[in-house]
Protein backbone atom coordinates (compact mmCIF):
# COMPACT_ATOMS: atom_id res chain seq x y z
CA MET A 1 67.93 31.55 -145.67
CA ALA A 2 66.87 31.68 -142.02
CA LEU A 3 63.92 29.70 -140.79
CA SER A 4 61.30 31.33 -138.66
CA GLN A 5 60.47 29.97 -135.19
CA ASP A 6 57.38 28.20 -136.51
CA GLU A 7 59.27 26.35 -139.28
CA ARG A 8 61.89 24.85 -136.95
CA THR A 9 61.40 21.36 -135.62
CA PRO A 10 61.58 21.07 -131.84
CA LEU A 11 64.56 19.27 -130.39
CA LEU A 12 62.46 17.47 -127.81
CA ARG A 13 58.79 16.74 -127.94
CA LEU A 14 57.12 16.25 -124.56
CA SER A 15 53.59 15.21 -123.89
CA ASP A 16 51.33 17.41 -121.80
CA ALA A 17 51.38 14.80 -119.01
CA ARG A 18 55.19 14.82 -118.95
CA ILE A 19 55.28 18.61 -118.82
CA ALA A 20 52.77 18.56 -115.93
CA ARG A 21 54.91 16.02 -114.04
CA GLU A 22 58.05 18.10 -114.56
CA LEU A 23 56.30 21.26 -113.35
CA GLU A 24 55.04 19.38 -110.28
CA ASP A 25 58.58 18.18 -109.54
CA VAL A 26 59.88 21.73 -109.77
CA ARG A 27 57.12 22.91 -107.40
CA VAL A 28 57.91 20.17 -104.88
CA GLN A 29 61.63 20.99 -105.04
CA ASP A 30 60.94 24.70 -104.47
CA GLU A 31 58.80 23.84 -101.47
CA ALA A 32 61.59 21.65 -100.04
CA ASP A 33 64.10 24.45 -100.59
CA ARG A 34 61.86 26.92 -98.74
CA ARG A 35 61.46 24.45 -95.86
CA TRP A 36 65.21 23.91 -95.63
CA ARG A 37 65.91 27.66 -95.72
CA ARG A 38 63.39 28.22 -92.92
CA ILE A 39 64.92 25.46 -90.73
CA ALA A 40 68.48 26.64 -91.33
CA THR A 41 67.57 30.28 -90.63
CA ARG A 42 65.88 29.29 -87.38
CA ALA A 43 68.98 27.30 -86.31
CA VAL A 44 71.27 30.23 -87.04
CA LEU A 45 69.05 32.61 -85.08
CA LYS A 46 69.07 30.21 -82.11
CA VAL A 47 72.87 30.07 -82.19
CA LEU A 48 73.04 33.87 -82.27
CA ALA A 49 70.64 34.06 -79.32
CA TRP A 50 72.89 31.71 -77.30
CA TYR A 51 75.89 33.92 -78.09
CA VAL A 52 74.07 37.09 -77.07
CA PHE A 53 72.75 35.53 -73.87
CA GLY A 54 76.24 34.26 -72.93
CA LEU A 55 77.73 37.70 -73.54
CA PHE A 56 74.91 39.22 -71.46
CA LEU A 57 75.77 36.95 -68.53
CA MET A 58 79.50 37.71 -68.81
CA GLY A 59 78.77 41.43 -69.05
CA SER A 60 76.53 41.25 -66.02
CA ALA A 61 79.41 39.66 -64.11
CA LEU A 62 81.52 42.70 -64.87
CA HIS A 63 78.90 45.15 -63.60
CA THR A 64 77.98 43.61 -60.26
CA THR A 65 79.59 44.41 -56.93
CA ASN A 66 78.95 40.99 -55.43
CA TYR A 67 82.16 39.05 -56.14
CA ALA A 68 80.68 35.58 -55.59
CA LEU A 69 77.74 36.34 -57.90
CA ALA A 70 80.15 37.81 -60.46
CA GLY A 71 82.13 34.60 -60.59
CA TYR A 72 79.01 32.49 -61.02
CA LEU A 73 77.64 34.79 -63.72
CA TYR A 74 80.91 34.77 -65.62
CA VAL A 75 81.27 30.98 -65.52
CA ALA A 76 77.60 30.58 -66.52
CA GLY A 77 78.15 33.02 -69.38
CA VAL A 78 81.16 31.10 -70.63
CA PHE A 79 79.23 27.81 -70.52
CA VAL A 80 76.23 29.30 -72.26
CA TYR A 81 78.44 31.02 -74.86
CA ALA A 82 80.31 27.78 -75.60
CA LEU A 83 77.78 25.02 -75.10
CA GLY A 84 74.56 26.66 -76.27
CA PRO A 85 75.54 26.90 -79.94
CA ALA A 86 77.21 23.47 -79.83
CA MET A 87 74.08 21.81 -78.44
CA THR A 88 71.93 23.67 -80.96
CA ALA A 89 74.13 22.36 -83.78
CA VAL A 90 74.02 18.80 -82.40
CA ARG A 91 70.23 18.94 -82.09
CA PHE A 92 69.93 20.38 -85.61
CA LEU A 93 72.02 17.54 -87.01
CA MET A 94 70.09 14.90 -85.06
CA VAL A 95 66.66 16.22 -86.04
CA GLU A 96 67.54 16.68 -89.70
CA GLY A 97 69.10 13.23 -89.92
CA TYR A 98 72.66 14.08 -90.97
């Protein structure tokens, strides 16, 4: 004979205060997850912006007729392309405390 939901004894009885504390902990954890997602997304977008800017400088070097300027633009593009994301990652790790 099967028991209905009302006739079963609960496995764990929690007080209303305990349930409220647990719900508050879940809310705080969700807020921390949203903050982390926002920070990580911003860091990834900054890295992508450095890559795009470095490629723009290297591309500009290919489309100019001034050879001296082309060399400077290309070297600047390589540095921006390589060091921009690296410095963004270092700053991200320093600010977040890892």
